[in-house]
Amino acid sequence: MMKIYTKTGDLGETGLFGGRRVPKHHLRIEAYGTVDETNAMLGLAASRCSDSELLNAILRVQSELFSVGSDLATPLDVQSAHIVRVDDTFVQRLEREIDAWEETLPALKNFILPGGNESAATLHVARTICRRAERAVTALAEQEAINPVTQRYLNRLADWLFVLARTANHRAGNEETGWSG
């Protein structure tokens, strides 16, 4: 049985895949930590989702986010059969779902306020966390070489979460509240 604590991080460092140790405040840790936050919020959204199609999509994305986190935790020069590098098929799948869901939604005429039912509101929070993850990954990419698809994936995922929240509200019969600024 694997112990949950190792004591190797007690002095403020953590290990990346491949063995390199970095401070826990390193940009790479911030990036994949914020991806993990996105994933945790999606877990909350899943617990509030009663639509089986949308729930299955959320669960799939949660699994994909583990791949994104593993990719970010593994420097590009480290080769491992255990690491799945994110590729464009991840991005393309999100785009297909966005396109399909948008066909069923009323056209946007102005900005909408995040909210609606619990599921949709939680998805909006996940979207904002995902945008923070994207910003962290962008900052990391300025410092170190990373898989560029992770940035594209997170960018598209935030769009996907926005459309998913709209879809959850639409299917539940909730009207969106437009911003009147």
Protein backbone atom coordinates (compact mmCIF):
# COMPACT_ATOMS: atom_id res chain seq x y z
CA MET A 1 0.00 0.00 0.00
CA MET A 2 1.26 3.46 -0.95
CA LYS A 3 1.49 6.02 1.86
CA ILE A 4 -0.20 9.34 1.17
CA TYR A 5 2.60 11.28 2.85
CA THR A 6 6.27 10.99 1.90
CA LYS A 7 7.80 13.80 4.00
CA THR A 8 9.96 14.72 0.97
CA GLY A 9 8.14 18.04 0.58
CA ASP A 10 8.43 19.18 4.17
CA LEU A 11 11.10 21.76 3.30
CA GLY A 12 9.11 23.37 0.47
CA GLU A 13 10.26 21.33 -2.51
CA THR A 14 8.50 18.77 -4.65
CA GLY A 15 9.61 16.34 -7.32
CA LEU A 16 8.71 16.45 -10.99
CA PHE A 17 8.37 13.33 -13.09
CA GLY A 18 11.93 12.49 -14.05
CA GLY A 19 13.36 13.25 -10.59
CA ARG A 20 14.14 16.97 -10.70
CA ARG A 21 13.21 18.82 -7.47
CA VAL A 22 11.75 22.32 -7.58
CA PRO A 23 10.27 24.75 -5.04
CA LYS A 24 6.56 24.29 -4.43
CA HIS A 25 6.00 27.85 -5.68
CA HIS A 26 7.66 27.06 -9.05
CA LEU A 27 5.61 28.12 -12.08
CA ARG A 28 5.32 24.51 -13.20
CA ILE A 29 3.75 23.53 -9.87
CA GLU A 30 1.43 26.55 -10.01
CA ALA A 31 0.36 25.52 -13.52
CA TYR A 32 -0.50 21.91 -12.83
CA GLY A 33 -1.87 22.78 -9.40
CA THR A 34 -4.37 25.13 -10.99
CA VAL A 35 -5.28 22.43 -13.51
CA ASP A 36 -5.97 20.24 -10.48
CA GLU A 37 -8.21 22.98 -9.02
CA THR A 38 -10.14 23.04 -12.29
CA ASN A 39 -10.55 19.29 -12.07
CA ALA A 40 -11.77 19.46 -8.46
CA MET A 41 -14.37 22.09 -9.40
CA LEU A 42 -15.49 19.84 -12.25
CA GLY A 43 -15.97 17.10 -9.65
CA LEU A 44 -18.32 19.43 -7.80
CA ALA A 45 -20.09 20.29 -11.07
CA ALA A 46 -20.47 16.58 -11.83
CA SER A 47 -22.07 16.01 -8.43
CA ARG A 48 -24.70 18.62 -9.34
CA CYS A 49 -25.32 17.48 -12.92
CA SER A 50 -28.41 15.37 -13.63
CA ASP A 51 -28.02 15.30 -17.44
CA SER A 52 -26.27 12.01 -18.29
CA GLU A 53 -24.76 13.28 -21.57
CA LEU A 54 -23.26 16.34 -19.91
CA LEU A 55 -22.14 14.30 -16.91
CA ASN A 56 -20.28 11.84 -19.15
CA ALA A 57 -18.58 14.75 -20.92
CA ILE A 58 -17.51 16.24 -17.58
CA LEU A 59 -16.12 12.90 -16.38
CA ARG A 60 -14.15 12.46 -19.61
CA VAL A 61 -12.67 15.94 -19.28
CA GLN A 62 -11.71 15.22 -15.68
CA SER A 63 -9.69 12.27 -16.95
CA GLU A 64 -8.15 14.43 -19.67
CA LEU A 65 -7.14 16.99 -17.05
CA PHE A 66 -5.10 14.29 -15.29
CA SER A 67 -3.23 13.88 -18.58
CA VAL A 68 -2.76 17.65 -18.83
CA GLY A 69 -1.42 17.77 -15.27
CA SER A 70 0.93 14.84 -15.88
CA ASP A 71 2.14 16.47 -19.09
CA LEU A 72 2.86 19.72 -17.24
CA ALA A 73 4.57 17.84 -14.36
CA THR A 74 6.93 16.16 -16.81
CA PRO A 75 9.64 18.30 -18.43
CA LEU A 76 9.78 17.77 -22.20
CA ASP A 77 13.22 16.15 -22.01
CA VAL A 78 11.88 13.37 -19.77
CA GLN A 79 10.66 10.31 -21.63
CA SER A 80 8.27 7.94 -19.90
CA ALA A 81 5.84 5.31 -21.11
CA HIS A 82 3.62 6.29 -18.17
CA ILE A 83 3.04 9.86 -19.35
CA VAL A 84 0.40 10.67 -21.93
CA ARG A 85 1.31 13.84 -23.77
CA VAL A 86 -1.71 15.93 -24.69
CA ASP A 87 -2.24 16.07 -28.44
CA ASP A 88 -4.56 17.84 -30.85
CA THR A 89 -7.19 15.07 -30.65
CA PHE A 90 -8.00 16.39 -27.16
CA VAL A 91 -8.57 19.90 -28.56
CA GLN A 92 -10.53 18.70 -31.58
CA ARG A 93 -12.93 16.69 -29.41
CA LEU A 94 -13.70 19.80 -27.35
CA GLU A 95 -14.28 21.81 -30.54
CA ARG A 96 -16.72 19.22 -31.93
CA GLU A 97 -18.71 19.29 -28.70
CA ILE A 98 -18.73 23.09 -28.56
CA ASP A 99 -20.03 23.22 -32.13
CA ALA A 100 -22.73 20.60 -31.50
CA TRP A 101 -23.97 22.25 -28.29
CA GLU A 102 -23.95 25.75 -29.80
CA GLU A 103 -26.33 24.59 -32.53
CA THR A 104 -28.96 23.95 -29.83
CA LEU A 105 -28.51 27.25 -27.98
CA PRO A 106 -30.02 30.68 -28.57
CA ALA A 107 -27.55 33.02 -30.24
CA LEU A 108 -25.65 35.32 -27.89
CA LYS A 109 -26.63 38.94 -28.35
CA ASN A 110 -24.68 40.35 -25.40
CA PHE A 111 -22.58 39.19 -22.47
CA ILE A 112 -24.36 36.98 -19.95
CA LEU A 113 -23.97 36.91 -16.21
CA PRO A 114 -22.51 33.64 -14.87
CA GLY A 115 -25.15 31.70 -12.99
CA GLY A 116 -28.32 29.76 -13.50
CA ASN A 117 -28.87 26.43 -11.83
CA GLU A 118 -26.28 24.93 -9.48
CA SER A 119 -24.71 22.81 -12.19
CA ALA A 120 -24.30 25.72 -14.61
CA ALA A 121 -23.08 28.13 -11.93
CA THR A 122 -20.47 25.59 -10.83
CA LEU A 123 -19.35 25.14 -14.44
CA HIS A 124 -18.89 28.92 -14.70
CA VAL A 125 -16.62 28.80 -11.62
CA ALA A 126 -14.68 25.92 -13.23
CA ARG A 127 -14.30 28.09 -16.35
CA THR A 128 -12.72 30.93 -14.37
CA ILE A 129 -10.32 28.53 -12.65
CA CYS A 130 -9.47 27.06 -16.05
CA ARG A 131 -8.63 30.56 -17.32
CA ARG A 132 -6.31 30.99 -14.32
CA ALA A 133 -4.67 27.66 -15.20
CA GLU A 134 -4.24 28.90 -18.76
CA ARG A 135 -2.54 32.07 -17.49
CA ALA A 136 -0.22 29.99 -15.30
CA VAL A 137 0.67 27.73 -18.24
CA THR A 138 1.33 30.78 -20.42
CA ALA A 139 3.70 32.17 -17.77
CA LEU A 140 5.44 28.79 -17.54
CA ALA A 141 5.80 28.63 -21.33
CA GLU A 142 7.72 31.93 -21.23
CA GLN A 143 10.24 30.34 -18.81
CA GLU A 144 10.51 26.72 -19.97
CA ALA A 145 9.70 24.56 -22.94
CA ILE A 146 6.35 22.83 -22.52
CA ASN A 147 4.01 20.90 -24.75
CA PRO A 148 2.24 23.75 -26.61
CA VAL A 149 -0.95 21.72 -26.94
CA THR A 150 -1.56 22.10 -23.20
CA GLN A 151 -2.09 25.84 -23.74
CA ARG A 152 -4.47 25.26 -26.66
CA TYR A 153 -6.34 22.62 -24.69
CA LEU A 154 -6.90 24.89 -21.67
CA ASN A 155 -7.95 27.78 -23.90
CA ARG A 156 -10.50 25.60 -25.66
CA LEU A 157 -11.58 23.98 -22.39
CA ALA A 158 -12.58 27.36 -20.96
CA ASP A 159 -14.71 27.95 -24.06
CA TRP A 160 -16.13 24.43 -23.69
CA LEU A 161 -17.03 25.11 -20.05
CA PHE A 162 -18.82 28.33 -21.03
CA VAL A 163 -20.88 26.53 -23.67
CA LEU A 164 -21.48 23.59 -21.32
CA ALA A 165 -22.81 25.96 -18.63
CA ARG A 166 -25.12 27.56 -21.19
CA THR A 167 -26.24 24.11 -22.33
CA ALA A 168 -26.92 22.99 -18.75
CA ASN A 169 -29.08 26.07 -18.19
CA HIS A 170 -30.86 25.71 -21.52
CA ARG A 171 -31.69 22.04 -20.96
CA ALA A 172 -32.99 22.86 -17.48
CA GLY A 173 -35.20 25.61 -18.89
CA ASN A 174 -33.30 28.42 -17.13
CA GLU A 175 -33.14 31.75 -18.92
CA GLU A 176 -29.77 33.47 -19.08
CA THR A 177 -29.42 36.90 -17.55
CA GLY A 178 -27.87 39.36 -19.96
CA TRP A 179 -25.43 41.98 -18.81
CA SER A 180 -26.75 45.50 -19.11
CA GLY A 181 -23.73 47.65 -18.58
